[in-house]
Each structure stands twice: as structure tokens, then as C-alpha cells.
C-alpha atoms as a PDB file:
ATOM      1  CA  MET A   1      18.904   9.279  -6.090  1.00  0.00           C
ATOM      2  CA  LEU A   2      22.500   9.870  -5.028  1.00  0.00           C
ATOM      3  CA  VAL A   3      25.262   7.355  -5.713  1.00  0.00           C
ATOM      4  CA  ALA A   4      25.630   6.595  -2.001  1.00  0.00           C
ATOM      5  CA  GLU A   5      21.877   5.934  -1.735  1.00  0.00           C
ATOM      6  CA  LYS A   6      21.993   3.687  -4.799  1.00  0.00           C
ATOM      7  CA  ASN A   7      24.916   1.727  -3.372  1.00  0.00           C
ATOM      8  CA  ALA A   8      23.145   1.290  -0.027  1.00  0.00           C
ATOM      9  CA  LEU A   9      19.962   0.143  -1.777  1.00  0.00           C
ATOM     10  CA  THR A  10      21.919  -2.294  -3.947  1.00  0.00           C
ATOM     11  CA  GLU A  11      23.551  -3.781  -0.826  1.00  0.00           C
ATOM     12  CA  GLU A  12      20.175  -4.061   0.855  1.00  0.00           C
ATOM     13  CA  ILE A  13      18.673  -5.853  -2.145  1.00  0.00           C
ATOM     14  CA  GLU A  14      21.690  -8.162  -2.360  1.00  0.00           C
ATOM     15  CA  GLN A  15      21.076  -9.140   1.280  1.00  0.00           C
ATOM     16  CA  LEU A  16      17.393  -9.785   0.520  1.00  0.00           C
ATOM     17  CA  VAL A  17      18.340 -11.972  -2.449  1.00  0.00           C
ATOM     18  CA  GLU A  18      20.730 -13.862  -0.200  1.00  0.00           C
ATOM     19  CA  LYS A  19      17.955 -14.279   2.385  1.00  0.00           C
ATOM     20  CA  TYR A  20      15.140 -15.310  -0.011  1.00  0.00           C
ATOM     21  CA  GLY A  21      17.110 -16.784  -2.904  1.00  0.00           C
ATOM     22  CA  LYS A  22      17.598 -15.952  -6.574  1.00  0.00           C
ATOM     23  CA  ASP A  23      14.584 -17.896  -7.743  1.00  0.00           C
ATOM     24  CA  ARG A  24      11.720 -16.010  -9.401  1.00  0.00           C
ATOM     25  CA  SER A  25       9.472 -17.195  -6.548  1.00  0.00           C
ATOM     26  CA  ALA A  26      11.417 -14.903  -4.173  1.00  0.00           C
ATOM     27  CA  LEU A  27      10.332 -11.790  -6.067  1.00  0.00           C
ATOM     28  CA  LEU A  28       7.222 -10.991  -4.045  1.00  0.00           C
ATOM     29  CA  GLU A  29       8.977 -11.400  -0.680  1.00  0.00           C
ATOM     30  CA  ILE A  30      11.861  -9.197  -1.786  1.00  0.00           C
ATOM     31  CA  LEU A  31       9.526  -6.497  -3.080  1.00  0.00           C
ATOM     32  CA  HIS A  32       7.489  -6.631   0.109  1.00  0.00           C
ATOM     33  CA  GLU A  33      10.622  -6.102   2.224  1.00  0.00           C
ATOM     34  CA  ILE A  34      11.709  -3.130   0.100  1.00  0.00           C
ATOM     35  CA  GLN A  35       8.214  -1.638   0.342  1.00  0.00           C
ATOM     36  CA  LYS A  36       8.132  -2.102   4.111  1.00  0.00           C
ATOM     37  CA  LYS A  37      11.386  -0.232   4.616  1.00  0.00           C
ATOM     38  CA  HIS A  38      11.125   2.463   1.931  1.00  0.00           C
ATOM     39  CA  ARG A  39       7.329   2.863   1.669  1.00  0.00           C
ATOM     40  CA  SER A  40       7.588   2.326  -2.098  1.00  0.00           C
ATOM     41  CA  ILE A  41       9.646   0.467  -4.682  1.00  0.00           C
ATOM     42  CA  PRO A  42      11.512   3.077  -6.724  1.00  0.00           C
ATOM     43  CA  ASP A  43      12.640   2.504 -10.303  1.00  0.00           C
ATOM     44  CA  PHE A  44      16.252   1.898  -9.293  1.00  0.00           C
ATOM     45  CA  ALA A  45      15.206  -0.817  -6.825  1.00  0.00           C
ATOM     46  CA  GLN A  46      13.108  -2.485  -9.526  1.00  0.00           C
ATOM     47  CA  GLN A  47      16.092  -2.509 -11.880  1.00  0.00           C
ATOM     48  CA  GLU A  48      18.378  -3.964  -9.217  1.00  0.00           C
ATOM     49  CA  VAL A  49      15.905  -6.675  -8.238  1.00  0.00           C
ATOM     50  CA  ALA A  50      15.543  -7.639 -11.898  1.00  0.00           C
ATOM     51  CA  ARG A  51      19.319  -7.695 -12.381  1.00  0.00           C
ATOM     52  CA  LEU A  52      19.980  -9.785  -9.284  1.00  0.00           C
ATOM     53  CA  LEU A  53      17.160 -12.261  -9.968  1.00  0.00           C
ATOM     54  CA  GLU A  54      18.140 -12.359 -13.645  1.00  0.00           C
ATOM     55  CA  ILE A  55      14.651 -11.503 -14.858  1.00  0.00           C
ATOM     56  CA  HIS A  56      13.342  -8.719 -17.069  1.00  0.00           C
ATOM     57  CA  PRO A  57      12.463  -5.426 -15.314  1.00  0.00           C
ATOM     58  CA  VAL A  58       8.991  -5.623 -16.869  1.00  0.00           C
ATOM     59  CA  GLU A  59       8.340  -8.749 -14.785  1.00  0.00           C
ATOM     60  CA  VAL A  60       9.197  -6.834 -11.633  1.00  0.00           C
ATOM     61  CA  TYR A  61       6.983  -3.917 -12.590  1.00  0.00           C
ATOM     62  CA  SER A  62       4.100  -6.206 -13.564  1.00  0.00           C
ATOM     63  CA  VAL A  63       4.102  -7.767 -10.094  1.00  0.00           C
ATOM     64  CA  ILE A  64       4.157  -4.324  -8.453  1.00  0.00           C
ATOM     65  CA  SER A  65       1.331  -3.047 -10.616  1.00  0.00           C
ATOM     66  CA  PHE A  66      -0.770  -6.183 -10.044  1.00  0.00           C
ATOM     67  CA  TYR A  67      -0.744  -6.120  -6.229  1.00  0.00           C
ATOM     68  CA  THR A  68      -2.444  -3.135  -4.610  1.00  0.00           C
ATOM     69  CA  PHE A  69      -0.222  -3.367  -1.538  1.00  0.00           C
ATOM     70  CA  LEU A  70       2.881  -2.642  -3.608  1.00  0.00           C
ATOM     71  CA  ASN A  71       3.548   0.775  -5.111  1.00  0.00           C
ATOM     72  CA  THR A  72       6.152   2.768  -6.978  1.00  0.00           C
ATOM     73  CA  GLU A  73       5.360   6.096  -5.326  1.00  0.00           C
ATOM     74  CA  PRO A  74       5.654   6.803  -1.594  1.00  0.00           C
ATOM     75  CA  LYS A  75       2.385   6.822   0.295  1.00  0.00           C
ATOM     76  CA  GLY A  76       1.467   8.244   3.653  1.00  0.00           C
ATOM     77  CA  ARG A  77       2.604   6.678   6.911  1.00  0.00           C
ATOM     78  CA  ASN A  78      -0.953   5.479   7.441  1.00  0.00           C
ATOM     79  CA  LEU A  79      -2.690   3.735   4.584  1.00  0.00           C
ATOM     80  CA  VAL A  80      -6.482   3.943   4.715  1.00  0.00           C
ATOM     81  CA  ARG A  81      -8.164   1.453   2.398  1.00  0.00           C
ATOM     82  CA  ILE A  82     -11.912   1.463   1.966  1.00  0.00           C
ATOM     83  CA  CYS A  83     -13.658  -1.574   0.506  1.00  0.00           C
ATOM     84  CA  GLN A  84     -15.284  -0.733  -2.815  1.00  0.00           C
ATOM     85  CA  THR A  85     -17.536  -3.752  -3.307  1.00  0.00           C
ATOM     86  CA  ILE A  86     -21.218  -3.524  -4.075  1.00  0.00           C
ATOM     87  CA  SER A  87     -22.123  -5.005  -0.687  1.00  0.00           C
ATOM     88  CA  CYS A  88     -20.369  -2.088   1.032  1.00  0.00           C
ATOM     89  CA  ASP A  89     -22.087   0.276  -1.410  1.00  0.00           C
ATOM     90  CA  MET A  90     -25.426  -1.091  -0.295  1.00  0.00           C
ATOM     91  CA  LYS A  91     -24.541  -0.388   3.340  1.00  0.00           C
ATOM     92  CA  ASN A  92     -23.845   3.332   2.801  1.00  0.00           C
ATOM     93  CA  LYS A  93     -20.132   3.181   2.043  1.00  0.00           C
ATOM     94  CA  GLN A  94     -20.303   6.527   0.257  1.00  0.00           C
ATOM     95  CA  ALA A  95     -21.195   8.327   3.494  1.00  0.00           C
ATOM     96  CA  VAL A  96     -18.082   6.799   5.098  1.00  0.00           C
ATOM     97  CA  VAL A  97     -15.946   7.815   2.103  1.00  0.00           C
ATOM     98  CA  ASN A  98     -17.290  11.366   2.285  1.00  0.00           C
ATOM     99  CA  ALA A  99     -16.536  11.567   6.021  1.00  0.00           C
ATOM    100  CA  VAL A 100     -12.982  10.241   5.570  1.00  0.00           C
ATOM    101  CA  GLU A 101     -12.271  12.638   2.700  1.00  0.00           C
ATOM    102  CA  ARG A 102     -13.684  15.570   4.663  1.00  0.00           C
ATOM    103  CA  GLU A 103     -11.760  14.678   7.833  1.00  0.00           C
ATOM    104  CA  LEU A 104      -8.410  14.284   6.072  1.00  0.00           C
ATOM    105  CA  GLY A 105      -8.892  16.958   3.423  1.00  0.00           C
ATOM    106  CA  VAL A 106      -8.019  14.636   0.534  1.00  0.00           C
ATOM    107  CA  LYS A 107      -9.891  12.602  -2.047  1.00  0.00           C
ATOM    108  CA  ILE A 108      -9.603   8.863  -2.665  1.00  0.00           C
ATOM    109  CA  GLY A 109      -6.192   8.190  -4.223  1.00  0.00           C
ATOM    110  CA  GLU A 110      -4.507  11.171  -2.562  1.00  0.00           C
ATOM    111  CA  THR A 111      -2.032  11.660   0.273  1.00  0.00           C
ATOM    112  CA  THR A 112      -2.254  14.375   2.895  1.00  0.00           C
ATOM    113  CA  ARG A 113       0.290  17.186   2.666  1.00  0.00           C
ATOM    114  CA  ASP A 114       1.977  16.073   5.886  1.00  0.00           C
ATOM    115  CA  ARG A 115       2.268  12.551   4.360  1.00  0.00           C
ATOM    116  CA  LYS A 116       0.489  11.068   7.368  1.00  0.00           C
ATOM    117  CA  PHE A 117      -2.378   9.480   5.417  1.00  0.00           C
ATOM    118  CA  THR A 118      -3.055   8.027   1.994  1.00  0.00           C
ATOM    119  CA  VAL A 119      -6.653   7.091   1.225  1.00  0.00           C
ATOM    120  CA  GLU A 120      -7.549   4.579  -1.459  1.00  0.00           C
ATOM    121  CA  TYR A 121     -10.100   2.007  -2.455  1.00  0.00           C
ATOM    122  CA  THR A 122      -9.387  -1.685  -2.219  1.00  0.00           C
ATOM    123  CA  ASN A 123     -11.199  -4.616  -3.690  1.00  0.00           C
ATOM    124  CA  CYS A 124     -13.085  -7.113  -1.587  1.00  0.00           C
ATOM    125  CA  MET A 125     -11.800  -7.440   1.953  1.00  0.00           C
ATOM    126  CA  GLY A 126     -13.841 -10.603   2.486  1.00  0.00           C
ATOM    127  CA  LEU A 127     -16.173  -8.881   4.945  1.00  0.00           C
ATOM    128  CA  CYS A 128     -19.271  -8.520   2.809  1.00  0.00           C
ATOM    129  CA  ASP A 129     -21.609  -9.181   5.731  1.00  0.00           C
ATOM    130  CA  GLN A 130     -19.720  -6.694   7.936  1.00  0.00           C
ATOM    131  CA  GLY A 131     -19.603  -3.638   5.649  1.00  0.00           C
ATOM    132  CA  PRO A 132     -18.840  -0.990   5.116  1.00  0.00           C
ATOM    133  CA  ALA A 133     -15.285  -2.014   5.900  1.00  0.00           C
ATOM    134  CA  MET A 134     -12.041  -0.063   6.078  1.00  0.00           C
ATOM    135  CA  ALA A 135      -8.465  -0.994   6.881  1.00  0.00           C
ATOM    136  CA  VAL A 136      -5.999   1.414   8.434  1.00  0.00           C
ATOM    137  CA  ASN A 137      -2.552  -0.062   7.974  1.00  0.00           C
ATOM    138  CA  GLU A 138      -2.946  -3.664   9.161  1.00  0.00           C
ATOM    139  CA  ARG A 139      -6.075  -3.152  11.275  1.00  0.00           C
ATOM    140  CA  VAL A 140      -9.536  -3.773   9.826  1.00  0.00           C
ATOM    141  CA  TYR A 141     -12.715  -1.982  10.927  1.00  0.00           C
ATOM    142  CA  MET A 142     -16.211  -3.174  10.110  1.00  0.00           C
ATOM    143  CA  LYS A 143     -19.806  -1.973  10.218  1.00  0.00           C
ATOM    144  CA  LEU A 144     -18.599   1.595   9.868  1.00  0.00           C
ATOM    145  CA  THR A 145     -20.626   4.741  10.184  1.00  0.00           C
ATOM    146  CA  PRO A 146     -19.243   8.112   9.116  1.00  0.00           C
ATOM    147  CA  GLU A 147     -18.829   9.044  12.789  1.00  0.00           C
ATOM    148  CA  LYS A 148     -17.015   5.810  13.636  1.00  0.00           C
ATOM    149  CA  ALA A 149     -14.659   6.264  10.661  1.00  0.00           C
ATOM    150  CA  VAL A 150     -13.739   9.803  11.799  1.00  0.00           C
ATOM    151  CA  GLU A 151     -13.220   8.561  15.360  1.00  0.00           C
ATOM    152  CA  ILE A 152     -10.812   5.879  14.085  1.00  0.00           C
ATOM    153  CA  LEU A 153      -8.847   8.433  12.048  1.00  0.00           C
ATOM    154  CA  ASN A 154      -8.563  10.715  15.067  1.00  0.00           C
ATOM    155  CA  GLU A 155      -7.183   7.829  17.143  1.00  0.00           C
ATOM    156  CA  VAL A 156      -4.556   7.160  14.472  1.00  0.00           C
ATOM    157  CA  LYS A 157      -3.617  10.856  14.222  1.00  0.00           C
END
């Protein structure tokens, strides 16, 4: 990261701290804002957040590693999350996973070369009676078939 980029990121984080406060309870909101803008929370941003909130960098990293919606590495523009619960398993989730992987040319946990899609599992989406379920960005899809999943991906493309 260049010095100019670091300075701009520091200013941005300072503004977020001003907006949300220096209290430890502001950490999640600040991280979420950084993630939204930069698609990840790089090491330098973690260090700056820790410095400005006067907490240990390990605390920042532990929050990022705990929440699946926060990440340290950039992901694709479109985040495809497939529910991995047993109830979705029982409703043929694996066929949906296979169709998604085949359509995008990546495996679970990978990002397409053009950085358009990242596919990953997520824990319970709270839709156990509506499975298999998948979220693409903020939109949730239920009662999926392999064909329906591919159709959704093609709409997003």
C-alpha cells in the first residue's frame, strides 16, 4: 500500500471514529463501513482502527475472523453464500452447490478470475423449512433447484 493510500485510509477511519465514537462498541460498525467501501479490511486498516480506538490489534482481528461477513482478503463483487445446514443437505443442497460451482467455474471458497463472484458456505440462514437456501449479496433465495440457482446467477451476471 502506497503512502498516499495509507494516508487516505487513515483519514477515512478517523472520520468513521468521529461518526461512531471511540468506544469499543463502535468497532463492528467501523469495520462494516470499511468492508463496504474496500471489499475487505486490510492489515493496515486493522492497525489504524486499533490505534484510534485504543485497543489491541488482536481484538480487531478477532472480530473480523468471528463474523463471516467481514474479511481480510478482497472477495468478488457478488458474494454467493449457500446455507450449509443439515436441513438444506436433506433437501439436495449438494446438487445446487454442484450447479453453482459448474456455472461459475470455481469451488466453494474461491473467487472467479474476473472477481465478479465469490462462492462460500454460510451457517444457518434461518430458513430451514425453505431450503436449500442461497444468498447473493443481500438477496436471499429459497427452495432452490440446480436450474433455479443457475438462472439466478445468470441474472446477476
